[in-house]
C-alpha atoms as a PDB file:
ATOM      1  CA  MET A   1     -24.147   7.401   0.576  1.00  0.00           C
ATOM      2  CA  SER A   2     -22.792   3.860   0.850  1.00  0.00           C
ATOM      3  CA  LYS A   3     -21.593   2.864   4.323  1.00  0.00           C
ATOM      4  CA  GLU A   4     -19.272  -0.030   3.368  1.00  0.00           C
ATOM      5  CA  PHE A   5     -16.193   2.086   4.053  1.00  0.00           C
ATOM      6  CA  GLU A   6     -17.436   4.022   7.078  1.00  0.00           C
ATOM      7  CA  GLY A   7     -15.099   3.596  10.043  1.00  0.00           C
ATOM      8  CA  LYS A   8     -12.949   1.018   8.239  1.00  0.00           C
ATOM      9  CA  LYS A   9      -9.255   1.220   9.084  1.00  0.00           C
ATOM     10  CA  ILE A  10      -7.356   1.184   5.812  1.00  0.00           C
ATOM     11  CA  LEU A  11      -3.567   1.171   5.611  1.00  0.00           C
ATOM     12  CA  ILE A  12      -2.249   2.442   2.298  1.00  0.00           C
ATOM     13  CA  GLY A  13       1.318   1.584   1.365  1.00  0.00           C
ATOM     14  CA  VAL A  14       2.905   3.983  -1.103  1.00  0.00           C
ATOM     15  CA  CYS A  15       5.963   2.905  -3.113  1.00  0.00           C
ATOM     16  CA  GLY A  16       8.310   5.007  -5.246  1.00  0.00           C
ATOM     17  CA  SER A  17       6.559   5.448  -8.583  1.00  0.00           C
ATOM     18  CA  ALA A  18       5.618   8.356 -10.805  1.00  0.00           C
ATOM     19  CA  LYS A  19       1.982   7.240 -10.315  1.00  0.00           C
ATOM     20  CA  LEU A  20       2.208   7.958  -6.582  1.00  0.00           C
ATOM     21  CA  TYR A  21       0.183  11.153  -7.102  1.00  0.00           C
ATOM     22  CA  LYS A  22      -2.896   8.971  -7.781  1.00  0.00           C
ATOM     23  CA  THR A  23      -2.698   7.690  -4.225  1.00  0.00           C
ATOM     24  CA  CYS A  24      -3.608  11.156  -2.946  1.00  0.00           C
ATOM     25  CA  SER A  25      -6.856  10.993  -4.940  1.00  0.00           C
ATOM     26  CA  LEU A  26      -7.517   7.489  -3.608  1.00  0.00           C
ATOM     27  CA  ILE A  27      -7.021   8.656  -0.025  1.00  0.00           C
ATOM     28  CA  GLU A  28      -9.377  11.601  -0.595  1.00  0.00           C
ATOM     29  CA  ALA A  29     -12.031   9.269  -2.064  1.00  0.00           C
ATOM     30  CA  LEU A  30     -11.759   6.921   0.920  1.00  0.00           C
ATOM     31  CA  ARG A  31     -11.975   9.807   3.389  1.00  0.00           C
ATOM     32  CA  GLU A  32     -15.111  11.076   1.618  1.00  0.00           C
ATOM     33  CA  LYS A  33     -16.570   7.620   2.307  1.00  0.00           C
ATOM     34  CA  LYS A  34     -15.650   8.048   6.003  1.00  0.00           C
ATOM     35  CA  ALA A  35     -12.827   5.485   6.018  1.00  0.00           C
ATOM     36  CA  ARG A  36      -9.927   5.961   8.433  1.00  0.00           C
ATOM     37  CA  VAL A  37      -6.851   6.017   6.198  1.00  0.00           C
ATOM     38  CA  THR A  38      -3.310   5.618   7.496  1.00  0.00           C
ATOM     39  CA  PRO A  39      -0.498   5.932   4.916  1.00  0.00           C
ATOM     40  CA  ILE A  40       2.847   4.136   5.063  1.00  0.00           C
ATOM     41  CA  LEU A  41       5.523   5.530   2.754  1.00  0.00           C
ATOM     42  CA  THR A  42       8.350   3.205   1.666  1.00  0.00           C
ATOM     43  CA  SER A  43      11.918   4.463   1.365  1.00  0.00           C
ATOM     44  CA  GLY A  44      11.391   4.569  -2.421  1.00  0.00           C
ATOM     45  CA  GLY A  45       8.156   6.502  -1.930  1.00  0.00           C
ATOM     46  CA  GLU A  46      10.026   9.074   0.146  1.00  0.00           C
ATOM     47  CA  LYS A  47      12.179   9.848  -2.898  1.00  0.00           C
ATOM     48  CA  PHE A  48       9.026  11.000  -4.739  1.00  0.00           C
ATOM     49  CA  ALA A  49       7.074  12.716  -1.943  1.00  0.00           C
ATOM     50  CA  THR A  50       7.361  13.694   1.698  1.00  0.00           C
ATOM     51  CA  PRO A  51       5.336  12.141   4.523  1.00  0.00           C
ATOM     52  CA  LEU A  52       3.834  15.595   5.104  1.00  0.00           C
ATOM     53  CA  LEU A  53       1.880  15.352   1.832  1.00  0.00           C
ATOM     54  CA  PHE A  54       0.208  12.095   2.870  1.00  0.00           C
ATOM     55  CA  THR A  55      -0.357  13.317   6.427  1.00  0.00           C
ATOM     56  CA  ALA A  56      -2.146  16.379   5.015  1.00  0.00           C
ATOM     57  CA  VAL A  57      -4.314  14.356   2.614  1.00  0.00           C
ATOM     58  CA  SER A  58      -5.182  11.552   5.056  1.00  0.00           C
ATOM     59  CA  LYS A  59      -5.453  13.717   8.189  1.00  0.00           C
ATOM     60  CA  ASN A  60      -3.463  10.939   9.911  1.00  0.00           C
ATOM     61  CA  LYS A  61       0.228  10.451  10.534  1.00  0.00           C
ATOM     62  CA  CYS A  62       2.069   9.051   7.527  1.00  0.00           C
ATOM     63  CA  PHE A  63       4.454   6.398   8.811  1.00  0.00           C
ATOM     64  CA  THR A  64       7.923   5.812   7.342  1.00  0.00           C
ATOM     65  CA  ASN A  65      10.913   3.587   8.009  1.00  0.00           C
ATOM     66  CA  LYS A  66      12.187   6.252  10.394  1.00  0.00           C
ATOM     67  CA  ASP A  67       9.214   5.471  12.642  1.00  0.00           C
ATOM     68  CA  PHE A  68       9.937   1.737  12.321  1.00  0.00           C
ATOM     69  CA  PHE A  69      13.396   2.178  13.799  1.00  0.00           C
ATOM     70  CA  ASP A  70      12.581   4.996  16.250  1.00  0.00           C
ATOM     71  CA  HIS A  71      12.579   3.380  19.690  1.00  0.00           C
ATOM     72  CA  ASN A  72      11.107   6.552  21.198  1.00  0.00           C
ATOM     73  CA  PHE A  73       8.020   6.357  18.989  1.00  0.00           C
ATOM     74  CA  THR A  74       4.953   5.378  20.987  1.00  0.00           C
ATOM     75  CA  VAL A  75       1.718   3.775  19.892  1.00  0.00           C
ATOM     76  CA  PRO A  76      -1.533   3.564  21.840  1.00  0.00           C
ATOM     77  CA  GLN A  77      -0.927   0.664  24.201  1.00  0.00           C
ATOM     78  CA  ASN A  78      -1.476  -0.793  27.619  1.00  0.00           C
ATOM     79  CA  LYS A  79       1.056   0.717  30.044  1.00  0.00           C
ATOM     80  CA  GLU A  80       2.183  -2.757  31.131  1.00  0.00           C
ATOM     81  CA  THR A  81       3.064  -3.898  27.619  1.00  0.00           C
ATOM     82  CA  PHE A  82       5.105  -2.686  24.683  1.00  0.00           C
ATOM     83  CA  THR A  83       3.773  -3.112  21.163  1.00  0.00           C
ATOM     84  CA  PRO A  84       6.223  -2.622  18.284  1.00  0.00           C
ATOM     85  CA  LEU A  85       4.874  -0.273  15.624  1.00  0.00           C
ATOM     86  CA  HIS A  86       4.626  -2.900  12.876  1.00  0.00           C
ATOM     87  CA  ILE A  87       2.623  -5.230  15.150  1.00  0.00           C
ATOM     88  CA  TYR A  88       0.334  -2.403  16.239  1.00  0.00           C
ATOM     89  CA  LEU A  89      -0.387  -1.400  12.616  1.00  0.00           C
ATOM     90  CA  ALA A  90      -0.782  -5.052  11.546  1.00  0.00           C
ATOM     91  CA  LYS A  91      -3.494  -5.589  14.180  1.00  0.00           C
ATOM     92  CA  TYR A  92      -5.083  -2.177  13.543  1.00  0.00           C
ATOM     93  CA  ALA A  93      -5.780  -2.663   9.816  1.00  0.00           C
ATOM     94  CA  ASP A  94      -9.057  -3.934   8.388  1.00  0.00           C
ATOM     95  CA  ILE A  95      -7.353  -4.039   4.985  1.00  0.00           C
ATOM     96  CA  ILE A  96      -3.951  -3.131   3.527  1.00  0.00           C
ATOM     97  CA  ILE A  97      -3.695  -1.515   0.092  1.00  0.00           C
ATOM     98  CA  VAL A  98      -0.418  -0.962  -1.762  1.00  0.00           C
ATOM     99  CA  ALA A  99      -0.814   1.587  -4.554  1.00  0.00           C
ATOM    100  CA  PRO A 100       1.396   2.062  -6.452  1.00  0.00           C
ATOM    101  CA  ALA A 101       3.462  -1.098  -5.991  1.00  0.00           C
ATOM    102  CA  THR A 102       6.865  -1.370  -7.653  1.00  0.00           C
ATOM    103  CA  ALA A 103       8.750  -4.446  -8.878  1.00  0.00           C
ATOM    104  CA  SER A 104      11.184  -3.938  -6.003  1.00  0.00           C
ATOM    105  CA  PHE A 105       8.374  -3.953  -3.423  1.00  0.00           C
ATOM    106  CA  ILE A 106       6.776  -7.051  -4.976  1.00  0.00           C
ATOM    107  CA  SER A 107      10.125  -8.865  -4.899  1.00  0.00           C
ATOM    108  CA  LYS A 108      10.835  -7.964  -1.274  1.00  0.00           C
ATOM    109  CA  LEU A 109       7.345  -8.978  -0.144  1.00  0.00           C
ATOM    110  CA  ALA A 110       7.450 -12.269  -2.081  1.00  0.00           C
ATOM    111  CA  HIS A 111      10.624 -13.144  -0.184  1.00  0.00           C
ATOM    112  CA  GLY A 112       9.426 -11.888   3.207  1.00  0.00           C
ATOM    113  CA  GLU A 113      12.189  -9.287   3.372  1.00  0.00           C
ATOM    114  CA  ALA A 114      10.664  -7.317   6.226  1.00  0.00           C
ATOM    115  CA  SER A 115      13.353  -4.656   6.579  1.00  0.00           C
ATOM    116  CA  GLU A 116      10.846  -1.937   5.547  1.00  0.00           C
ATOM    117  CA  LEU A 117       7.941  -0.935   7.784  1.00  0.00           C
ATOM    118  CA  LEU A 118       5.291  -1.613   5.124  1.00  0.00           C
ATOM    119  CA  ILE A 119       6.512  -5.154   4.453  1.00  0.00           C
ATOM    120  CA  ALA A 120       6.889  -5.923   8.173  1.00  0.00           C
ATOM    121  CA  VAL A 121       3.276  -4.782   8.703  1.00  0.00           C
ATOM    122  CA  ILE A 122       1.998  -6.961   5.849  1.00  0.00           C
ATOM    123  CA  VAL A 123       3.959 -10.019   7.004  1.00  0.00           C
ATOM    124  CA  ALA A 124       2.591  -9.589  10.557  1.00  0.00           C
ATOM    125  CA  SER A 125      -1.017  -8.898   9.527  1.00  0.00           C
ATOM    126  CA  LYS A 126      -4.032 -11.170   9.058  1.00  0.00           C
ATOM    127  CA  ALA A 127      -5.852  -8.420   7.102  1.00  0.00           C
ATOM    128  CA  PRO A 128      -6.555  -8.794   3.372  1.00  0.00           C
ATOM    129  CA  VAL A 129      -3.825  -7.286   1.174  1.00  0.00           C
ATOM    130  CA  CYS A 130      -4.559  -5.743  -2.249  1.00  0.00           C
ATOM    131  CA  ILE A 131      -1.627  -4.744  -4.439  1.00  0.00           C
ATOM    132  CA  PHE A 132      -1.861  -2.400  -7.429  1.00  0.00           C
ATOM    133  CA  PRO A 133       1.382  -2.521  -9.465  1.00  0.00           C
ATOM    134  CA  SER A 134       2.610   0.358 -11.582  1.00  0.00           C
ATOM    135  CA  MET A 135       5.736  -0.185 -13.648  1.00  0.00           C
ATOM    136  CA  ASN A 136       7.238  -0.337 -17.114  1.00  0.00           C
ATOM    137  CA  ILE A 137       6.008  -3.209 -19.325  1.00  0.00           C
ATOM    138  CA  ASN A 138       9.468  -4.816 -19.430  1.00  0.00           C
ATOM    139  CA  MET A 139       9.648  -4.823 -15.642  1.00  0.00           C
ATOM    140  CA  TRP A 140       6.111  -6.233 -15.332  1.00  0.00           C
ATOM    141  CA  GLU A 141       6.680  -9.009 -17.894  1.00  0.00           C
ATOM    142  CA  ASN A 142      10.113  -9.964 -16.561  1.00  0.00           C
ATOM    143  CA  PRO A 143      10.029 -13.637 -15.493  1.00  0.00           C
ATOM    144  CA  ILE A 144      11.381 -12.714 -12.056  1.00  0.00           C
ATOM    145  CA  THR A 145       8.532 -10.255 -11.457  1.00  0.00           C
ATOM    146  CA  GLN A 146       5.973 -12.738 -12.771  1.00  0.00           C
ATOM    147  CA  GLU A 147       7.327 -15.466 -10.467  1.00  0.00           C
ATOM    148  CA  ASN A 148       7.097 -13.073  -7.508  1.00  0.00           C
ATOM    149  CA  VAL A 149       3.520 -12.117  -8.457  1.00  0.00           C
ATOM    150  CA  LYS A 150       2.623 -15.810  -8.677  1.00  0.00           C
ATOM    151  CA  LYS A 151       4.078 -16.389  -5.191  1.00  0.00           C
ATOM    152  CA  LEU A 152       2.085 -13.519  -3.711  1.00  0.00           C
ATOM    153  CA  LYS A 153      -1.129 -14.754  -5.320  1.00  0.00           C
ATOM    154  CA  ASN A 154      -0.443 -18.219  -3.886  1.00  0.00           C
ATOM    155  CA  TYR A 155      -0.047 -16.615  -0.443  1.00  0.00           C
ATOM    156  CA  GLY A 156      -3.546 -15.170  -0.832  1.00  0.00           C
ATOM    157  CA  TYR A 157      -2.714 -11.593  -1.762  1.00  0.00           C
ATOM    158  CA  TYR A 158      -4.834  -9.881  -4.409  1.00  0.00           C
ATOM    159  CA  ILE A 159      -2.730  -8.461  -7.255  1.00  0.00           C
ATOM    160  CA  TYR A 160      -4.415  -6.240  -9.803  1.00  0.00           C
ATOM    161  CA  GLU A 161      -3.063  -6.943 -13.284  1.00  0.00           C
ATOM    162  CA  PRO A 162      -1.853  -3.623 -14.748  1.00  0.00           C
ATOM    163  CA  THR A 163      -4.060  -2.265 -17.518  1.00  0.00           C
ATOM    164  CA  GLU A 164      -3.021  -1.012 -20.930  1.00  0.00           C
ATOM    165  CA  GLU A 165      -2.317   2.638 -21.367  1.00  0.00           C
ATOM    166  CA  GLU A 166      -1.753   4.518 -24.576  1.00  0.00           C
ATOM    167  CA  ILE A 167       1.463   6.452 -24.652  1.00  0.00           C
ATOM    168  CA  ALA A 168       3.302   8.296 -27.380  1.00  0.00           C
ATOM    169  CA  LYS A 169       5.178   5.188 -28.532  1.00  0.00           C
ATOM    170  CA  GLY A 170       2.155   2.879 -28.633  1.00  0.00           C
ATOM    171  CA  ILE A 171       0.363   0.815 -26.045  1.00  0.00           C
ATOM    172  CA  GLN A 172       2.072  -0.043 -22.801  1.00  0.00           C
ATOM    173  CA  LYS A 173       0.923  -2.173 -19.925  1.00  0.00           C
ATOM    174  CA  GLY A 174       1.724  -1.014 -16.427  1.00  0.00           C
ATOM    175  CA  LYS A 175      -0.898   1.567 -15.472  1.00  0.00           C
ATOM    176  CA  MET A 176      -2.599   1.514 -12.093  1.00  0.00           C
ATOM    177  CA  PRO A 177      -6.388   1.281 -12.390  1.00  0.00           C
ATOM    178  CA  GLY A 178      -8.623   4.272 -11.819  1.00  0.00           C
ATOM    179  CA  ILE A 179      -9.882   5.220  -8.359  1.00  0.00           C
ATOM    180  CA  ASP A 180     -13.344   3.700  -8.971  1.00  0.00           C
ATOM    181  CA  LYS A 181     -11.823   0.309  -9.815  1.00  0.00           C
ATOM    182  CA  ILE A 182      -9.561   0.388  -6.747  1.00  0.00           C
ATOM    183  CA  LEU A 183     -12.559   1.270  -4.546  1.00  0.00           C
ATOM    184  CA  GLU A 184     -14.503  -1.618  -6.079  1.00  0.00           C
ATOM    185  CA  VAL A 185     -11.684  -4.035  -5.206  1.00  0.00           C
ATOM    186  CA  ILE A 186     -11.341  -2.673  -1.657  1.00  0.00           C
ATOM    187  CA  LYS A 187     -15.104  -3.027  -1.120  1.00  0.00           C
ATOM    188  CA  LYS A 188     -14.915  -6.663  -2.240  1.00  0.00           C
ATOM    189  CA  TYR A 189     -12.178  -7.482   0.293  1.00  0.00           C
ATOM    190  CA  LEU A 190     -13.521  -5.552   3.295  1.00  0.00           C
END
């Protein structure tokens, strides 16, 4: 068994998309490779699934915006200092993966709108960031989305170009890649 993932601390951001179910399979694959996976669910992601699902799959707490704004939430820290959750997670991560990523998430990140835990973590982190969009072709090809993607690439983030997927009405771009491809990308950036 390959040891590239063993002990690696991987944060996985999960946005609100119908493809969110694939993230569970990704988390399971990473855990099989002995990675330490910590999920962060966006407010949009919470409309599709509960944090409990991702806690169960990852065997780690799934963080949400509620944790971001909960002043009673504690993180492992030195008793003499206080570390805000987003700073703790930003320093903790070896890599940050966002799968699936929505147009809304991409827009907020491109503009540094750190009002969500996941975006605040990314903005505060020095870890590599890999983003796997999943959206309708019209949303993906919209000039606003493309400008935001260009910005993120210029900032050094890796953005996987959505692949083509056959659907009933023809071919549509916007599908997240398979688990093997995502693992290949993660391995490259670790």
